[in-house]
Amino acid sequence: SLPAQPRDRSQALADILVDCGLKAGQRIG
């Protein structure tokens, strides 16, 4: 989101990506 907009309802990017199915050892494009 744009600067100063709310940031109180989402996880950290790494946690979101893990929830999406990304993990160590993968070949990611």
PDB file of all heavy atoms in Angstrom:
ATOM      1  N   SER A   1       0.832  -1.201   0.000  1.00  0.00           N
ATOM      2  CA  SER A   1       0.000   0.000   0.000  1.00  0.00           C
ATOM      3  C   SER A   1       0.869   1.255   0.000  1.00  0.00           C
ATOM      4  O   SER A   1       2.079   1.213   0.256  1.00  0.00           O
ATOM      5  CB  SER A   1      -0.900   0.005   1.235  1.00  0.00           C
ATOM      6  OG  SER A   1      -1.668  -1.176   1.310  1.00  0.00           O
ATOM      7  N   LEU A   2       0.242   2.380  -0.265  1.00  0.00           N
ATOM      8  CA  LEU A   2       0.969   3.643  -0.291  1.00  0.00           C
ATOM      9  C   LEU A   2       1.416   4.038   1.116  1.00  0.00           C
ATOM     10  O   LEU A   2       0.813   3.619   2.112  1.00  0.00           O
ATOM     11  CB  LEU A   2       0.084   4.723  -0.893  1.00  0.00           C
ATOM     12  CG  LEU A   2      -0.419   4.434  -2.321  1.00  0.00           C
ATOM     13  CD1 LEU A   2      -1.221   5.609  -2.848  1.00  0.00           C
ATOM     14  CD2 LEU A   2       0.740   4.117  -3.267  1.00  0.00           C
ATOM     15  N   PRO A   3       2.471   4.860   1.231  1.00  0.00           N
ATOM     16  CA  PRO A   3       2.984   5.252   2.544  1.00  0.00           C
ATOM     17  C   PRO A   3       1.895   5.862   3.433  1.00  0.00           C
ATOM     18  O   PRO A   3       1.051   6.625   2.972  1.00  0.00           O
ATOM     19  CB  PRO A   3       4.068   6.288   2.205  1.00  0.00           C
ATOM     20  CG  PRO A   3       4.528   5.906   0.837  1.00  0.00           C
ATOM     21  CD  PRO A   3       3.308   5.406   0.135  1.00  0.00           C
ATOM     22  N   ALA A   4       1.935   5.492   4.706  1.00  0.00           N
ATOM     23  CA  ALA A   4       1.044   5.980   5.766  1.00  0.00           C
ATOM     24  C   ALA A   4      -0.332   5.337   5.755  1.00  0.00           C
ATOM     25  O   ALA A   4      -1.118   5.574   6.661  1.00  0.00           O
ATOM     26  CB  ALA A   4       0.907   7.501   5.745  1.00  0.00           C
ATOM     27  N   GLN A   5      -0.624   4.500   4.753  1.00  0.00           N
ATOM     28  CA  GLN A   5      -1.887   3.776   4.805  1.00  0.00           C
ATOM     29  C   GLN A   5      -1.790   2.661   5.854  1.00  0.00           C
ATOM     30  O   GLN A   5      -0.691   2.248   6.238  1.00  0.00           O
ATOM     31  CB  GLN A   5      -2.234   3.193   3.433  1.00  0.00           C
ATOM     32  CG  GLN A   5      -2.649   4.235   2.415  1.00  0.00           C
ATOM     33  CD  GLN A   5      -3.164   3.613   1.121  1.00  0.00           C
ATOM     34  OE1 GLN A   5      -3.230   2.390   0.979  1.00  0.00           O
ATOM     35  NE2 GLN A   5      -3.530   4.474   0.175  1.00  0.00           N
ATOM     36  N   PRO A   6      -2.930   2.154   6.333  1.00  0.00           N
ATOM     37  CA  PRO A   6      -2.918   1.135   7.384  1.00  0.00           C
ATOM     38  C   PRO A   6      -2.097  -0.090   7.013  1.00  0.00           C
ATOM     39  O   PRO A   6      -2.084  -0.530   5.865  1.00  0.00           O
ATOM     40  CB  PRO A   6      -4.398   0.783   7.539  1.00  0.00           C
ATOM     41  CG  PRO A   6      -5.130   1.998   7.087  1.00  0.00           C
ATOM     42  CD  PRO A   6      -4.304   2.574   5.983  1.00  0.00           C
ATOM     43  N   ARG A   7      -1.425  -0.626   8.031  1.00  0.00           N
ATOM     44  CA  ARG A   7      -0.609  -1.821   7.869  1.00  0.00           C
ATOM     45  C   ARG A   7      -0.835  -2.756   9.065  1.00  0.00           C
ATOM     46  O   ARG A   7       0.101  -3.342   9.580  1.00  0.00           O
ATOM     47  CB  ARG A   7       0.869  -1.439   7.741  1.00  0.00           C
ATOM     48  CG  ARG A   7       1.246  -0.969   6.329  1.00  0.00           C
ATOM     49  CD  ARG A   7       2.524  -0.155   6.350  1.00  0.00           C
ATOM     50  NE  ARG A   7       3.079   0.034   5.022  1.00  0.00           N
ATOM     51  CZ  ARG A   7       2.588   0.836   4.085  1.00  0.00           C
ATOM     52  NH1 ARG A   7       1.484   1.536   4.330  1.00  0.00           N
ATOM     53  NH2 ARG A   7       3.172   0.944   2.904  1.00  0.00           N
ATOM     54  N   ASP A   8      -2.078  -2.892   9.467  1.00  0.00           N
ATOM     55  CA  ASP A   8      -2.372  -3.599  10.717  1.00  0.00           C
ATOM     56  C   ASP A   8      -3.074  -4.940  10.504  1.00  0.00           C
ATOM     57  O   ASP A   8      -3.458  -5.592  11.466  1.00  0.00           O
ATOM     58  CB  ASP A   8      -3.256  -2.712  11.606  1.00  0.00           C
ATOM     59  CG  ASP A   8      -4.563  -2.314  10.934  1.00  0.00           C
ATOM     60  OD1 ASP A   8      -4.644  -2.390   9.679  1.00  0.00           O
ATOM     61  OD2 ASP A   8      -5.505  -1.928  11.644  1.00  0.00           O
ATOM     62  N   ARG A   9      -3.231  -5.376   9.238  1.00  0.00           N
ATOM     63  CA  ARG A   9      -4.027  -6.573   9.016  1.00  0.00           C
ATOM     64  C   ARG A   9      -3.336  -7.615   8.149  1.00  0.00           C
ATOM     65  O   ARG A   9      -3.992  -8.530   7.658  1.00  0.00           O
ATOM     66  CB  ARG A   9      -5.372  -6.205   8.369  1.00  0.00           C
ATOM     67  CG  ARG A   9      -6.288  -5.397   9.284  1.00  0.00           C
ATOM     68  CD  ARG A   9      -7.688  -5.206   8.690  1.00  0.00           C
ATOM     69  NE  ARG A   9      -7.658  -4.359   7.501  1.00  0.00           N
ATOM     70  CZ  ARG A   9      -8.091  -4.720   6.293  1.00  0.00           C
ATOM     71  NH1 ARG A   9      -8.569  -5.935   6.113  1.00  0.00           N
ATOM     72  NH2 ARG A   9      -8.039  -3.881   5.284  1.00  0.00           N
ATOM     73  N   SER A  10      -2.033  -7.489   7.937  1.00  0.00           N
ATOM     74  CA  SER A  10      -1.376  -8.484   7.090  1.00  0.00           C
ATOM     75  C   SER A  10      -0.091  -8.984   7.737  1.00  0.00           C
ATOM     76  O   SER A  10       0.540  -8.301   8.538  1.00  0.00           O
ATOM     77  CB  SER A  10      -1.070  -7.901   5.707  1.00  0.00           C
ATOM     78  OG  SER A  10      -0.282  -6.747   5.784  1.00  0.00           O
ATOM     79  N   GLN A  11       0.279 -10.201   7.373  1.00  0.00           N
ATOM     80  CA  GLN A  11       1.495 -10.824   7.887  1.00  0.00           C
ATOM     81  C   GLN A  11       2.734 -10.241   7.212  1.00  0.00           C
ATOM     82  O   GLN A  11       2.652  -9.493   6.237  1.00  0.00           O
ATOM     83  CB  GLN A  11       1.446 -12.331   7.603  1.00  0.00           C
ATOM     84  CG  GLN A  11       0.328 -13.100   8.272  1.00  0.00           C
ATOM     85  CD  GLN A  11       0.348 -14.545   7.796  1.00  0.00           C
ATOM     86  OE1 GLN A  11      -0.141 -14.872   6.713  1.00  0.00           O
ATOM     87  NE2 GLN A  11       0.926 -15.422   8.611  1.00  0.00           N
ATOM     88  N   ALA A  12       3.879 -10.659   7.698  1.00  0.00           N
ATOM     89  CA  ALA A  12       5.143 -10.335   7.044  1.00  0.00           C
ATOM     90  C   ALA A  12       5.205 -11.059   5.701  1.00  0.00           C
ATOM     91  O   ALA A  12       4.596 -12.118   5.506  1.00  0.00           O
ATOM     92  CB  ALA A  12       6.314 -10.755   7.914  1.00  0.00           C
ATOM     93  N   LEU A  13       5.937 -10.495   4.772  1.00  0.00           N
ATOM     94  CA  LEU A  13       6.003 -11.064   3.426  1.00  0.00           C
ATOM     95  C   LEU A  13       6.491 -12.512   3.452  1.00  0.00           C
ATOM     96  O   LEU A  13       5.937 -13.375   2.766  1.00  0.00           O
ATOM     97  CB  LEU A  13       6.910 -10.206   2.539  1.00  0.00           C
ATOM     98  CG  LEU A  13       7.077 -10.683   1.093  1.00  0.00           C
ATOM     99  CD1 LEU A  13       5.737 -10.757   0.375  1.00  0.00           C
ATOM    100  CD2 LEU A  13       8.042  -9.754   0.343  1.00  0.00           C
ATOM    101  N   ALA A  14       7.528 -12.792   4.229  1.00  0.00           N
ATOM    102  CA  ALA A  14       8.060 -14.159   4.276  1.00  0.00           C
ATOM    103  C   ALA A  14       6.999 -15.151   4.744  1.00  0.00           C
ATOM    104  O   ALA A  14       6.875 -16.260   4.201  1.00  0.00           O
ATOM    105  CB  ALA A  14       9.281 -14.216   5.187  1.00  0.00           C
ATOM    106  N   ASP A  15       6.206 -14.759   5.739  1.00  0.00           N
ATOM    107  CA  ASP A  15       5.159 -15.654   6.240  1.00  0.00           C
ATOM    108  C   ASP A  15       4.075 -15.883   5.192  1.00  0.00           C
ATOM    109  O   ASP A  15       3.564 -17.001   5.037  1.00  0.00           O
ATOM    110  CB  ASP A  15       4.543 -15.077   7.514  1.00  0.00           C
ATOM    111  CG  ASP A  15       5.539 -15.021   8.664  1.00  0.00           C
ATOM    112  OD1 ASP A  15       6.467 -15.850   8.688  1.00  0.00           O
ATOM    113  OD2 ASP A  15       5.387 -14.130   9.527  1.00  0.00           O
ATOM    114  N   ILE A  16       3.729 -14.843   4.473  1.00  0.00           N
ATOM    115  CA  ILE A  16       2.727 -14.994   3.409  1.00  0.00           C
ATOM    116  C   ILE A  16       3.232 -15.934   2.324  1.00  0.00           C
ATOM    117  O   ILE A  16       2.507 -16.818   1.844  1.00  0.00           O
ATOM    118  CB  ILE A  16       2.373 -13.617   2.809  1.00  0.00           C
ATOM    119  CG1 ILE A  16       1.618 -12.764   3.836  1.00  0.00           C
ATOM    120  CG2 ILE A  16       1.547 -13.773   1.539  1.00  0.00           C
ATOM    121  CD1 ILE A  16       1.343 -11.350   3.359  1.00  0.00           C
ATOM    122  N   LEU A  17       4.488 -15.773   1.945  1.00  0.00           N
ATOM    123  CA  LEU A  17       5.039 -16.623   0.886  1.00  0.00           C
ATOM    124  C   LEU A  17       5.108 -18.079   1.329  1.00  0.00           C
ATOM    125  O   LEU A  17       4.866 -18.995   0.520  1.00  0.00           O
ATOM    126  CB  LEU A  17       6.421 -16.106   0.474  1.00  0.00           C
ATOM    127  CG  LEU A  17       6.434 -14.728  -0.199  1.00  0.00           C
ATOM    128  CD1 LEU A  17       7.861 -14.282  -0.485  1.00  0.00           C
ATOM    129  CD2 LEU A  17       5.600 -14.729  -1.471  1.00  0.00           C
ATOM    130  N   VAL A  18       5.424 -18.315   2.584  1.00  0.00           N
ATOM    131  CA  VAL A  18       5.415 -19.692   3.104  1.00  0.00           C
ATOM    132  C   VAL A  18       4.000 -20.259   3.032  1.00  0.00           C
ATOM    133  O   VAL A  18       3.779 -21.407   2.614  1.00  0.00           O
ATOM    134  CB  VAL A  18       5.962 -19.735   4.538  1.00  0.00           C
ATOM    135  CG1 VAL A  18       5.685 -21.098   5.179  1.00  0.00           C
ATOM    136  CG2 VAL A  18       7.459 -19.448   4.539  1.00  0.00           C
ATOM    137  N   ASP A  19       3.004 -19.460   3.414  1.00  0.00           N
ATOM    138  CA  ASP A  19       1.613 -19.903   3.327  1.00  0.00           C
ATOM    139  C   ASP A  19       1.200 -20.197   1.888  1.00  0.00           C
ATOM    140  O   ASP A  19       0.343 -21.061   1.638  1.00  0.00           O
ATOM    141  CB  ASP A  19       0.679 -18.846   3.912  1.00  0.00           C
ATOM    142  CG  ASP A  19       0.782 -18.742   5.428  1.00  0.00           C
ATOM    143  OD1 ASP A  19       1.361 -19.666   6.046  1.00  0.00           O
ATOM    144  OD2 ASP A  19       0.292 -17.732   5.986  1.00  0.00           O
ATOM    145  N   CYS A  20       1.810 -19.501   0.940  1.00  0.00           N
ATOM    146  CA  CYS A  20       1.513 -19.741  -0.473  1.00  0.00           C
ATOM    147  C   CYS A  20       2.145 -21.030  -0.990  1.00  0.00           C
ATOM    148  O   CYS A  20       1.776 -21.514  -2.074  1.00  0.00           O
ATOM    149  CB  CYS A  20       2.011 -18.571  -1.320  1.00  0.00           C
ATOM    150  SG  CYS A  20       1.107 -17.026  -1.097  1.00  0.00           S
ATOM    151  N   GLY A  21       3.122 -21.572  -0.249  1.00  0.00           N
ATOM    152  CA  GLY A  21       3.749 -22.821  -0.662  1.00  0.00           C
ATOM    153  C   GLY A  21       5.214 -22.723  -0.994  1.00  0.00           C
ATOM    154  O   GLY A  21       5.829 -23.711  -1.428  1.00  0.00           O
ATOM    155  N   LEU A  22       5.828 -21.553  -0.781  1.00  0.00           N
ATOM    156  CA  LEU A  22       7.264 -21.425  -1.026  1.00  0.00           C
ATOM    157  C   LEU A  22       8.028 -21.920   0.200  1.00  0.00           C
ATOM    158  O   LEU A  22       7.590 -21.749   1.332  1.00  0.00           O
ATOM    159  CB  LEU A  22       7.627 -19.969  -1.304  1.00  0.00           C
ATOM    160  CG  LEU A  22       7.506 -19.506  -2.768  1.00  0.00           C
ATOM    161  CD1 LEU A  22       6.087 -19.656  -3.267  1.00  0.00           C
ATOM    162  CD2 LEU A  22       7.976 -18.056  -2.918  1.00  0.00           C
ATOM    163  N   LYS A  23       9.189 -22.534  -0.056  1.00  0.00           N
ATOM    164  CA  LYS A  23       9.980 -23.047   1.041  1.00  0.00           C
ATOM    165  C   LYS A  23      11.436 -23.212   0.618  1.00  0.00           C
ATOM    166  O   LYS A  23      11.773 -23.128  -0.577  1.00  0.00           O
ATOM    167  CB  LYS A  23       9.426 -24.381   1.531  1.00  0.00           C
ATOM    168  CG  LYS A  23       9.329 -25.455   0.462  1.00  0.00           C
ATOM    169  CD  LYS A  23       8.608 -26.692   1.009  1.00  0.00           C
ATOM    170  CE  LYS A  23       8.452 -27.756  -0.076  1.00  0.00           C
ATOM    171  NZ  LYS A  23       7.702 -28.939   0.424  1.00  0.00           N
ATOM    172  N   ALA A  24      12.270 -23.473   1.620  1.00  0.00           N
ATOM    173  CA  ALA A  24      13.702 -23.644   1.364  1.00  0.00           C
ATOM    174  C   ALA A  24      13.935 -24.815   0.421  1.00  0.00           C
ATOM    175  O   ALA A  24      13.222 -25.819   0.451  1.00  0.00           O
ATOM    176  CB  ALA A  24      14.438 -23.877   2.683  1.00  0.00           C
ATOM    177  N   GLY A  25      14.952 -24.670  -0.396  1.00  0.00           N
ATOM    178  CA  GLY A  25      15.347 -25.735  -1.303  1.00  0.00           C
ATOM    179  C   GLY A  25      14.662 -25.711  -2.651  1.00  0.00           C
ATOM    180  O   GLY A  25      15.026 -26.483  -3.542  1.00  0.00           O
ATOM    181  N   GLN A  26      13.705 -24.838  -2.836  1.00  0.00           N
ATOM    182  CA  GLN A  26      12.988 -24.794  -4.105  1.00  0.00           C
ATOM    183  C   GLN A  26      13.767 -24.010  -5.165  1.00  0.00           C
ATOM    184  O   GLN A  26      14.554 -23.115  -4.861  1.00  0.00           O
ATOM    185  CB  GLN A  26      11.613 -24.145  -3.921  1.00  0.00           C
ATOM    186  CG  GLN A  26      10.605 -24.995  -3.176  1.00  0.00           C
ATOM    187  CD  GLN A  26       9.276 -24.269  -3.028  1.00  0.00           C
ATOM    188  OE1 GLN A  26       9.221 -23.047  -2.892  1.00  0.00           O
ATOM    189  NE2 GLN A  26       8.188 -25.030  -3.037  1.00  0.00           N
ATOM    190  N   ARG A  27      13.514 -24.374  -6.399  1.00  0.00           N
ATOM    191  CA  ARG A  27      13.964 -23.567  -7.541  1.00  0.00           C
ATOM    192  C   ARG A  27      12.777 -22.680  -7.921  1.00  0.00           C
ATOM    193  O   ARG A  27      11.731 -23.159  -8.373  1.00  0.00           O
ATOM    194  CB  ARG A  27      14.366 -24.465  -8.709  1.00  0.00           C
ATOM    195  CG  ARG A  27      14.788 -23.708  -9.968  1.00  0.00           C
ATOM    196  CD  ARG A  27      15.263 -24.702 -11.039  1.00  0.00           C
ATOM    197  NE  ARG A  27      15.428 -24.063 -12.334  1.00  0.00           N
ATOM    198  CZ  ARG A  27      16.507 -23.405 -12.729  1.00  0.00           C
ATOM    199  NH1 ARG A  27      17.527 -23.284 -11.883  1.00  0.00           N
ATOM    200  NH2 ARG A  27      16.579 -22.862 -13.932  1.00  0.00           N
ATOM    201  N   ILE A  28      12.938 -21.381  -7.712  1.00  0.00           N
ATOM    202  CA  ILE A  28      11.840 -20.439  -7.866  1.00  0.00           C
ATOM    203  C   ILE A  28      12.149 -19.492  -9.025  1.00  0.00           C
ATOM    204  O   ILE A  28      13.229 -18.891  -9.089  1.00  0.00           O
ATOM    205  CB  ILE A  28      11.619 -19.633  -6.572  1.00  0.00           C
ATOM    206  CG1 ILE A  28      11.267 -20.587  -5.422  1.00  0.00           C
ATOM    207  CG2 ILE A  28      10.523 -18.589  -6.765  1.00  0.00           C
ATOM    208  CD1 ILE A  28      11.213 -19.905  -4.063  1.00  0.00           C
ATOM    209  N   GLY A  29      11.208 -19.357  -9.938  1.00  0.00           N
ATOM    210  CA  GLY A  29      11.342 -18.417 -11.042  1.00  0.00           C
ATOM    211  C   GLY A  29      10.730 -17.083 -10.683  1.00  0.00           C
ATOM    212  O   GLY A  29       9.558 -17.012 -10.305  1.00  0.00           O
TER     213      GLY A  29
END
